[in-house]
Amino acid sequence: MNDILKIVNLEKSYYTKDGEIKAIKDITLDVKKGEIVTIVGTSGCGKSSLLGILANIDKQTSGTYVFYKDDVTIGYMLQNDALFPWLTIYENAILGLKIAKKDSKENKDYVLRLLKNYNLEDFINKYPNELSGGMKQRVALIRTLALKPDILLLDEPFSALDYQSRLAVSKDVFDIIKKENITTILVSHDIAEAVSLSNRVVVLAKRPCFIKNIYDINLPYDDPIVNRKSQEFSILYDKIWKDLDEYVS
């Protein structure tokens, strides 16, 4: 696989009346095309700050990150589904296309295909309050995928869901990402989620965050829920837990 993103010596500091606060320290990481890379770390360690820099919402203090082409398209999905309650599911799903002035028939047909493929075809004329939390997250993902991003950034997209819904929706999202072959960087505080969904897991140390370890994930099944029952999953879970436990004060 070819590199789609190179991060080199990335650092981020914030400045307050009390002085400088360093959030990110010397992050170097390559992400390959088609990979799912999950970043885990304790709360407040800088995971979301790193994602915000890659999404061009924030700026690094030093260091660089370079995508494999100049006009790379980035999809960024936050914790909240952010669906507009007065728009139908279909109208919400094509909203990004309309804003970007890319709402061609071809692109709208692509959204309809995604809605159909992921069991939302019967709900396109419904409104968000008529859908479950998991279904709304699927709509939010399809809205993000409508622009056909080269790289997808997911900031704890399942954290607002109950446990059962979280499992089901994370599998749905995994299936969609794999089928559409979208390079993905996921931020999560859930070790089980990280191990079951990813090709690699990057463990960040406590703020200022730096890379403590990177784990290659090679689980035996294509189903992230079934993989949780494997011995390989348990071994990786324990290793990552020990890494994080060193930084819990």
C-alpha atoms as a PDB file:
ATOM      1  CA  MET A   1       0.000   0.000   0.000  1.00  0.00           C
ATOM      2  CA  ASN A   2       1.146   3.536  -0.747  1.00  0.00           C
ATOM      3  CA  ASP A   3       1.351   6.270   1.874  1.00  0.00           C
ATOM      4  CA  ILE A   4      -1.611   8.649   1.719  1.00  0.00           C
ATOM      5  CA  LEU A   5      -0.429  10.798   4.650  1.00  0.00           C
ATOM      6  CA  LYS A   6       2.937  11.533   6.243  1.00  0.00           C
ATOM      7  CA  ILE A   7       3.138  13.268   9.631  1.00  0.00           C
ATOM      8  CA  VAL A   8       6.639  14.375  10.661  1.00  0.00           C
ATOM      9  CA  ASN A   9       7.642  15.808  14.076  1.00  0.00           C
ATOM     10  CA  LEU A  10       4.229  17.405  14.592  1.00  0.00           C
ATOM     11  CA  GLU A  11       3.835  19.556  17.705  1.00  0.00           C
ATOM     12  CA  LYS A  12       1.035  21.731  19.079  1.00  0.00           C
ATOM     13  CA  SER A  13       1.096  24.232  21.921  1.00  0.00           C
ATOM     14  CA  TYR A  14      -1.654  26.428  23.303  1.00  0.00           C
ATOM     15  CA  TYR A  15      -0.981  29.751  24.966  1.00  0.00           C
ATOM     16  CA  THR A  16      -2.923  30.973  27.988  1.00  0.00           C
ATOM     17  CA  LYS A  17      -2.457  33.734  30.527  1.00  0.00           C
ATOM     18  CA  ASP A  18      -0.563  31.190  32.638  1.00  0.00           C
ATOM     19  CA  GLY A  19       1.886  30.362  29.860  1.00  0.00           C
ATOM     20  CA  GLU A  20       2.439  27.699  27.219  1.00  0.00           C
ATOM     21  CA  ILE A  21       0.622  24.360  27.342  1.00  0.00           C
ATOM     22  CA  LYS A  22       2.075  21.702  25.053  1.00  0.00           C
ATOM     23  CA  ALA A  23      -0.630  19.338  23.796  1.00  0.00           C
ATOM     24  CA  ILE A  24       1.220  17.334  21.144  1.00  0.00           C
ATOM     25  CA  LYS A  25       4.924  16.444  21.178  1.00  0.00           C
ATOM     26  CA  ASP A  26       6.884  15.129  18.196  1.00  0.00           C
ATOM     27  CA  ILE A  27       4.297  12.939  16.440  1.00  0.00           C
ATOM     28  CA  THR A  28       5.651  11.092  13.383  1.00  0.00           C
ATOM     29  CA  LEU A  29       3.342   8.687  11.581  1.00  0.00           C
ATOM     30  CA  ASP A  30       2.654   7.341   8.078  1.00  0.00           C
ATOM     31  CA  VAL A  31      -0.845   6.288   7.018  1.00  0.00           C
ATOM     32  CA  LYS A  32      -1.242   3.986   4.039  1.00  0.00           C
ATOM     33  CA  LYS A  33      -4.010   4.014   1.450  1.00  0.00           C
ATOM     34  CA  GLY A  34      -6.975   1.867   2.493  1.00  0.00           C
ATOM     35  CA  GLU A  35      -5.883   1.548   6.133  1.00  0.00           C
ATOM     36  CA  ILE A  36      -8.028   2.030   9.202  1.00  0.00           C
ATOM     37  CA  VAL A  37      -5.775   3.558  11.860  1.00  0.00           C
ATOM     38  CA  THR A  38      -7.192   4.153  15.330  1.00  0.00           C
ATOM     39  CA  ILE A  39      -5.635   6.587  17.789  1.00  0.00           C
ATOM     40  CA  VAL A  40      -6.248   5.805  21.460  1.00  0.00           C
ATOM     41  CA  GLY A  41      -5.237   7.636  24.599  1.00  0.00           C
ATOM     42  CA  THR A  42      -6.516   8.861  27.933  1.00  0.00           C
ATOM     43  CA  SER A  43      -9.079  11.681  28.048  1.00  0.00           C
ATOM     44  CA  GLY A  44      -7.578  15.072  27.238  1.00  0.00           C
ATOM     45  CA  CYS A  45      -4.297  13.669  25.912  1.00  0.00           C
ATOM     46  CA  GLY A  46      -4.556  15.463  22.561  1.00  0.00           C
ATOM     47  CA  LYS A  47      -6.254  12.906  20.271  1.00  0.00           C
ATOM     48  CA  SER A  48      -8.904  15.320  18.999  1.00  0.00           C
ATOM     49  CA  SER A  49      -6.354  18.136  18.700  1.00  0.00           C
ATOM     50  CA  LEU A  50      -4.343  15.971  16.316  1.00  0.00           C
ATOM     51  CA  LEU A  51      -7.438  15.183  14.243  1.00  0.00           C
ATOM     52  CA  GLY A  52      -8.384  18.867  14.147  1.00  0.00           C
ATOM     53  CA  ILE A  53      -4.973  19.738  12.695  1.00  0.00           C
ATOM     54  CA  LEU A  54      -5.291  17.081   9.992  1.00  0.00           C
ATOM     55  CA  ALA A  55      -8.751  18.429   9.141  1.00  0.00           C
ATOM     56  CA  ASN A  56      -7.281  21.938   8.816  1.00  0.00           C
ATOM     57  CA  ILE A  57      -9.523  23.214  11.597  1.00  0.00           C
ATOM     58  CA  ASP A  58      -6.488  23.962  13.777  1.00  0.00           C
ATOM     59  CA  LYS A  59      -2.818  24.676  13.053  1.00  0.00           C
ATOM     60  CA  GLN A  60       0.254  22.902  14.337  1.00  0.00           C
ATOM     61  CA  THR A  61       2.949  24.846  16.171  1.00  0.00           C
ATOM     62  CA  SER A  62       5.740  23.013  14.344  1.00  0.00           C
ATOM     63  CA  GLY A  63       6.329  19.967  12.200  1.00  0.00           C
ATOM     64  CA  THR A  64       4.559  18.975   8.995  1.00  0.00           C
ATOM     65  CA  TYR A  65       1.861  16.747   7.600  1.00  0.00           C
ATOM     66  CA  VAL A  66       1.675  16.032   3.883  1.00  0.00           C
ATOM     67  CA  PHE A  67      -1.054  14.283   1.906  1.00  0.00           C
ATOM     68  CA  TYR A  68      -0.217  12.288  -1.201  1.00  0.00           C
ATOM     69  CA  LYS A  69      -1.797  14.894  -3.480  1.00  0.00           C
ATOM     70  CA  ASP A  70      -2.478  18.626  -3.256  1.00  0.00           C
ATOM     71  CA  ASP A  71      -6.238  18.492  -3.762  1.00  0.00           C
ATOM     72  CA  VAL A  72      -6.957  15.763  -1.241  1.00  0.00           C
ATOM     73  CA  THR A  73     -10.589  15.595  -0.075  1.00  0.00           C
ATOM     74  CA  ILE A  74     -11.076  15.086   3.662  1.00  0.00           C
ATOM     75  CA  GLY A  75     -14.254  13.860   5.320  1.00  0.00           C
ATOM     76  CA  TYR A  76     -14.565  14.799   8.997  1.00  0.00           C
ATOM     77  CA  MET A  77     -17.236  13.255  11.219  1.00  0.00           C
ATOM     78  CA  LEU A  78     -17.703  14.386  14.816  1.00  0.00           C
ATOM     79  CA  GLN A  79     -19.253  12.686  17.845  1.00  0.00           C
ATOM     80  CA  ASN A  80     -22.640  14.308  17.247  1.00  0.00           C
ATOM     81  CA  ASP A  81     -24.497  13.313  14.079  1.00  0.00           C
ATOM     82  CA  ALA A  82     -25.343  17.027  13.507  1.00  0.00           C
ATOM     83  CA  LEU A  83     -28.385  16.236  11.343  1.00  0.00           C
ATOM     84  CA  PHE A  84     -30.769  19.141  10.768  1.00  0.00           C
ATOM     85  CA  PRO A  85     -34.182  18.216  12.267  1.00  0.00           C
ATOM     86  CA  TRP A  86     -36.179  20.146   9.627  1.00  0.00           C
ATOM     87  CA  LEU A  87     -34.543  18.304   6.724  1.00  0.00           C
ATOM     88  CA  THR A  88     -35.450  14.805   5.572  1.00  0.00           C
ATOM     89  CA  ILE A  89     -32.892  12.024   5.757  1.00  0.00           C
ATOM     90  CA  TYR A  90     -32.190  12.355   2.032  1.00  0.00           C
ATOM     91  CA  GLU A  91     -31.876  16.154   2.291  1.00  0.00           C
ATOM     92  CA  ASN A  92     -29.447  15.743   5.195  1.00  0.00           C
ATOM     93  CA  ALA A  93     -27.443  13.151   3.270  1.00  0.00           C
ATOM     94  CA  ILE A  94     -26.927  15.425   0.235  1.00  0.00           C
ATOM     95  CA  LEU A  95     -26.375  18.624   2.244  1.00  0.00           C
ATOM     96  CA  GLY A  96     -22.583  18.508   1.882  1.00  0.00           C
ATOM     97  CA  LEU A  97     -22.950  18.092  -1.871  1.00  0.00           C
ATOM     98  CA  LYS A  98     -25.194  21.143  -2.071  1.00  0.00           C
ATOM     99  CA  ILE A  99     -22.832  23.284   0.010  1.00  0.00           C
ATOM    100  CA  ALA A 100     -19.880  22.225  -2.156  1.00  0.00           C
ATOM    101  CA  LYS A 101     -21.969  22.808  -5.300  1.00  0.00           C
ATOM    102  CA  LYS A 102     -21.400  19.206  -6.312  1.00  0.00           C
ATOM    103  CA  ASP A 103     -25.026  18.068  -6.226  1.00  0.00           C
ATOM    104  CA  SER A 104     -24.998  16.569  -9.724  1.00  0.00           C
ATOM    105  CA  LYS A 105     -27.375  13.763 -10.605  1.00  0.00           C
ATOM    106  CA  GLU A 106     -24.438  11.340 -10.552  1.00  0.00           C
ATOM    107  CA  ASN A 107     -23.434  12.338  -7.026  1.00  0.00           C
ATOM    108  CA  LYS A 108     -27.019  12.319  -5.743  1.00  0.00           C
ATOM    109  CA  ASP A 109     -27.522   8.880  -7.265  1.00  0.00           C
ATOM    110  CA  TYR A 110     -24.388   7.763  -5.386  1.00  0.00           C
ATOM    111  CA  VAL A 111     -25.960   8.942  -2.109  1.00  0.00           C
ATOM    112  CA  LEU A 112     -29.181   7.089  -2.922  1.00  0.00           C
ATOM    113  CA  ARG A 113     -27.124   3.958  -3.580  1.00  0.00           C
ATOM    114  CA  LEU A 114     -25.397   4.295  -0.213  1.00  0.00           C
ATOM    115  CA  LEU A 115     -28.721   4.813   1.574  1.00  0.00           C
ATOM    116  CA  LYS A 116     -30.116   1.730  -0.148  1.00  0.00           C
ATOM    117  CA  ASN A 117     -27.033  -0.421   0.473  1.00  0.00           C
ATOM    118  CA  TYR A 118     -27.013   0.394   4.170  1.00  0.00           C
ATOM    119  CA  ASN A 119     -30.702  -0.191   4.895  1.00  0.00           C
ATOM    120  CA  LEU A 120     -31.908   3.409   4.934  1.00  0.00           C
ATOM    121  CA  GLU A 121     -33.830   3.442   1.652  1.00  0.00           C
ATOM    122  CA  ASP A 122     -37.215   3.216   3.417  1.00  0.00           C
ATOM    123  CA  PHE A 123     -36.383   6.240   5.580  1.00  0.00           C
ATOM    124  CA  ILE A 124     -35.247   8.811   3.012  1.00  0.00           C
ATOM    125  CA  ASN A 125     -38.410  10.899   3.452  1.00  0.00           C
ATOM    126  CA  LYS A 126     -38.405  10.595   7.246  1.00  0.00           C
ATOM    127  CA  TYR A 127     -36.937  13.140   9.653  1.00  0.00           C
ATOM    128  CA  PRO A 128     -34.079  12.599  12.128  1.00  0.00           C
ATOM    129  CA  ASN A 129     -36.384  12.396  15.152  1.00  0.00           C
ATOM    130  CA  GLU A 130     -37.988   9.319  13.569  1.00  0.00           C
ATOM    131  CA  LEU A 131     -34.698   7.377  13.477  1.00  0.00           C
ATOM    132  CA  SER A 132     -32.697   5.560  16.132  1.00  0.00           C
ATOM    133  CA  GLY A 133     -29.332   6.923  17.242  1.00  0.00           C
ATOM    134  CA  GLY A 134     -27.518   4.268  15.259  1.00  0.00           C
ATOM    135  CA  MET A 135     -29.445   5.022  12.080  1.00  0.00           C
ATOM    136  CA  LYS A 136     -28.687   8.736  12.432  1.00  0.00           C
ATOM    137  CA  GLN A 137     -24.977   7.962  12.707  1.00  0.00           C
ATOM    138  CA  ARG A 138     -25.185   5.966   9.480  1.00  0.00           C
ATOM    139  CA  VAL A 139     -26.847   8.936   7.760  1.00  0.00           C
ATOM    140  CA  ALA A 140     -24.107  11.236   9.080  1.00  0.00           C
ATOM    141  CA  LEU A 141     -21.452   8.882   7.707  1.00  0.00           C
ATOM    142  CA  ILE A 142     -23.159   8.700   4.305  1.00  0.00           C
ATOM    143  CA  ARG A 143     -23.335  12.517   4.222  1.00  0.00           C
ATOM    144  CA  THR A 144     -19.578  12.550   4.880  1.00  0.00           C
ATOM    145  CA  LEU A 145     -18.915   9.908   2.211  1.00  0.00           C
ATOM    146  CA  ALA A 146     -21.073  11.734  -0.365  1.00  0.00           C
ATOM    147  CA  LEU A 147     -18.107  13.941  -1.295  1.00  0.00           C
ATOM    148  CA  LYS A 148     -16.033  10.795  -1.910  1.00  0.00           C
ATOM    149  CA  PRO A 149     -13.233  11.740   0.494  1.00  0.00           C
ATOM    150  CA  ASP A 150      -9.724  10.422   0.009  1.00  0.00           C
ATOM    151  CA  ILE A 151      -9.338  10.184   3.777  1.00  0.00           C
ATOM    152  CA  LEU A 152     -11.957   9.954   6.500  1.00  0.00           C
ATOM    153  CA  LEU A 153     -11.428  11.403   9.989  1.00  0.00           C
ATOM    154  CA  LEU A 154     -13.746  10.070  12.707  1.00  0.00           C
ATOM    155  CA  ASP A 155     -13.701  11.696  16.142  1.00  0.00           C
ATOM    156  CA  GLU A 156     -15.306   9.219  18.576  1.00  0.00           C
ATOM    157  CA  PRO A 157     -18.374   8.835  16.326  1.00  0.00           C
ATOM    158  CA  PHE A 158     -20.015   6.151  18.500  1.00  0.00           C
ATOM    159  CA  SER A 159     -19.505   7.665  21.958  1.00  0.00           C
ATOM    160  CA  ALA A 160     -23.085   8.956  22.332  1.00  0.00           C
ATOM    161  CA  LEU A 161     -24.620   5.517  21.713  1.00  0.00           C
ATOM    162  CA  ASP A 162     -25.528   2.831  24.242  1.00  0.00           C
ATOM    163  CA  TYR A 163     -23.353  -0.288  24.266  1.00  0.00           C
ATOM    164  CA  GLN A 164     -25.527  -2.479  22.025  1.00  0.00           C
ATOM    165  CA  SER A 165     -26.077   0.297  19.481  1.00  0.00           C
ATOM    166  CA  ARG A 166     -22.379   1.131  19.579  1.00  0.00           C
ATOM    167  CA  LEU A 167     -21.432  -2.424  18.651  1.00  0.00           C
ATOM    168  CA  ALA A 168     -23.955  -2.586  15.820  1.00  0.00           C
ATOM    169  CA  VAL A 169     -23.148   0.844  14.380  1.00  0.00           C
ATOM    170  CA  SER A 170     -19.378   0.364  14.616  1.00  0.00           C
ATOM    171  CA  LYS A 171     -19.796  -2.823  12.566  1.00  0.00           C
ATOM    172  CA  ASP A 172     -21.980  -0.951  10.047  1.00  0.00           C
ATOM    173  CA  VAL A 173     -19.373   1.790   9.747  1.00  0.00           C
ATOM    174  CA  PHE A 174     -16.559  -0.780   9.429  1.00  0.00           C
ATOM    175  CA  ASP A 175     -18.441  -2.563   6.639  1.00  0.00           C
ATOM    176  CA  ILE A 176     -19.097   0.708   4.789  1.00  0.00           C
ATOM    177  CA  ILE A 177     -15.485   1.892   5.080  1.00  0.00           C
ATOM    178  CA  LYS A 178     -14.079  -1.447   3.919  1.00  0.00           C
ATOM    179  CA  LYS A 179     -16.512  -1.764   1.019  1.00  0.00           C
ATOM    180  CA  GLU A 180     -15.890   1.801  -0.158  1.00  0.00           C
ATOM    181  CA  ASN A 181     -12.115   1.384   0.512  1.00  0.00           C
ATOM    182  CA  ILE A 182     -11.807   4.680   2.397  1.00  0.00           C
ATOM    183  CA  THR A 183      -8.576   5.426   4.271  1.00  0.00           C
ATOM    184  CA  THR A 184      -9.696   6.202   7.823  1.00  0.00           C
ATOM    185  CA  ILE A 185      -8.214   7.689  10.984  1.00  0.00           C
ATOM    186  CA  LEU A 186     -10.432   7.033  13.985  1.00  0.00           C
ATOM    187  CA  VAL A 187     -10.039   8.620  17.409  1.00  0.00           C
ATOM    188  CA  SER A 188     -11.399   6.479  20.241  1.00  0.00           C
ATOM    189  CA  HIS A 189     -11.021   5.949  23.972  1.00  0.00           C
ATOM    190  CA  ASP A 190     -12.441   2.420  23.635  1.00  0.00           C
ATOM    191  CA  ILE A 191      -9.668  -0.186  23.382  1.00  0.00           C
ATOM    192  CA  ALA A 192     -11.991  -2.975  22.249  1.00  0.00           C
ATOM    193  CA  GLU A 193     -13.360  -0.788  19.492  1.00  0.00           C
ATOM    194  CA  ALA A 194      -9.869   0.189  18.374  1.00  0.00           C
ATOM    195  CA  VAL A 195      -8.547  -3.376  18.215  1.00  0.00           C
ATOM    196  CA  SER A 196     -11.605  -4.866  16.512  1.00  0.00           C
ATOM    197  CA  LEU A 197     -11.933  -2.200  13.789  1.00  0.00           C
ATOM    198  CA  SER A 198      -8.363  -1.329  12.854  1.00  0.00           C
ATOM    199  CA  ASN A 199      -5.370  -2.328  10.786  1.00  0.00           C
ATOM    200  CA  ARG A 200      -3.158  -0.463  13.254  1.00  0.00           C
ATOM    201  CA  VAL A 201      -3.653   1.083  16.691  1.00  0.00           C
ATOM    202  CA  VAL A 202      -1.565   4.091  17.732  1.00  0.00           C
ATOM    203  CA  VAL A 203      -1.291   4.537  21.504  1.00  0.00           C
ATOM    204  CA  LEU A 204      -0.705   8.091  22.686  1.00  0.00           C
ATOM    205  CA  ALA A 205       0.873   8.889  26.024  1.00  0.00           C
ATOM    206  CA  LYS A 206      -0.625  11.416  28.430  1.00  0.00           C
ATOM    207  CA  ARG A 207      -0.340  15.124  27.527  1.00  0.00           C
ATOM    208  CA  PRO A 208       1.816  16.341  26.032  1.00  0.00           C
ATOM    209  CA  CYS A 209       1.006  13.344  23.894  1.00  0.00           C
ATOM    210  CA  PHE A 210       3.596  11.390  21.998  1.00  0.00           C
ATOM    211  CA  ILE A 211       3.422   7.959  20.380  1.00  0.00           C
ATOM    212  CA  LYS A 212       3.970   5.335  23.058  1.00  0.00           C
ATOM    213  CA  ASN A 213       3.420   2.318  20.787  1.00  0.00           C
ATOM    214  CA  ILE A 214       1.985   1.276  17.441  1.00  0.00           C
ATOM    215  CA  TYR A 215       0.333  -2.132  17.130  1.00  0.00           C
ATOM    216  CA  ASP A 216      -0.287  -3.977  13.861  1.00  0.00           C
ATOM    217  CA  ILE A 217      -3.669  -5.692  14.029  1.00  0.00           C
ATOM    218  CA  ASN A 218      -4.106  -9.024  12.266  1.00  0.00           C
ATOM    219  CA  LEU A 219      -7.281 -10.604  13.600  1.00  0.00           C
ATOM    220  CA  PRO A 220      -8.668 -13.813  12.065  1.00  0.00           C
ATOM    221  CA  TYR A 221     -12.113 -12.655  10.908  1.00  0.00           C
ATOM    222  CA  ASP A 222     -13.671  -9.931   8.753  1.00  0.00           C
ATOM    223  CA  ASP A 223     -16.342  -9.299  11.389  1.00  0.00           C
ATOM    224  CA  PRO A 224     -15.237  -6.851  14.127  1.00  0.00           C
ATOM    225  CA  ILE A 225     -17.764  -8.257  16.609  1.00  0.00           C
ATOM    226  CA  VAL A 226     -16.691 -11.884  16.092  1.00  0.00           C
ATOM    227  CA  ASN A 227     -13.051 -10.804  16.358  1.00  0.00           C
ATOM    228  CA  ARG A 228     -13.636  -9.709  19.946  1.00  0.00           C
ATOM    229  CA  LYS A 229     -13.900 -13.379  20.897  1.00  0.00           C
ATOM    230  CA  SER A 230     -10.498 -14.321  19.492  1.00  0.00           C
ATOM    231  CA  GLN A 231      -7.336 -14.990  21.479  1.00  0.00           C
ATOM    232  CA  GLU A 232      -5.425 -12.466  19.356  1.00  0.00           C
ATOM    233  CA  PHE A 233      -7.911  -9.772  20.363  1.00  0.00           C
ATOM    234  CA  SER A 234      -7.454 -10.509  24.071  1.00  0.00           C
ATOM    235  CA  ILE A 235      -3.654 -10.365  23.832  1.00  0.00           C
ATOM    236  CA  LEU A 236      -3.687  -7.005  22.012  1.00  0.00           C
ATOM    237  CA  TYR A 237      -6.332  -5.592  24.353  1.00  0.00           C
ATOM    238  CA  ASP A 238      -4.195  -6.414  27.398  1.00  0.00           C
ATOM    239  CA  LYS A 239      -1.054  -4.884  25.863  1.00  0.00           C
ATOM    240  CA  ILE A 240      -2.800  -1.613  24.993  1.00  0.00           C
ATOM    241  CA  TRP A 241      -4.512  -1.489  28.389  1.00  0.00           C
ATOM    242  CA  LYS A 242      -1.119  -1.748  30.097  1.00  0.00           C
ATOM    243  CA  ASP A 243       0.261   1.020  27.880  1.00  0.00           C
ATOM    244  CA  LEU A 244      -2.591   3.344  28.811  1.00  0.00           C
ATOM    245  CA  ASP A 245      -2.616   2.367  32.471  1.00  0.00           C
ATOM    246  CA  GLU A 246       0.897   3.788  32.854  1.00  0.00           C
ATOM    247  CA  TYR A 247      -0.507   7.231  32.096  1.00  0.00           C
ATOM    248  CA  VAL A 248      -3.639   7.223  34.226  1.00  0.00           C
ATOM    249  CA  SER A 249      -3.011   9.413  37.257  1.00  0.00           C
END
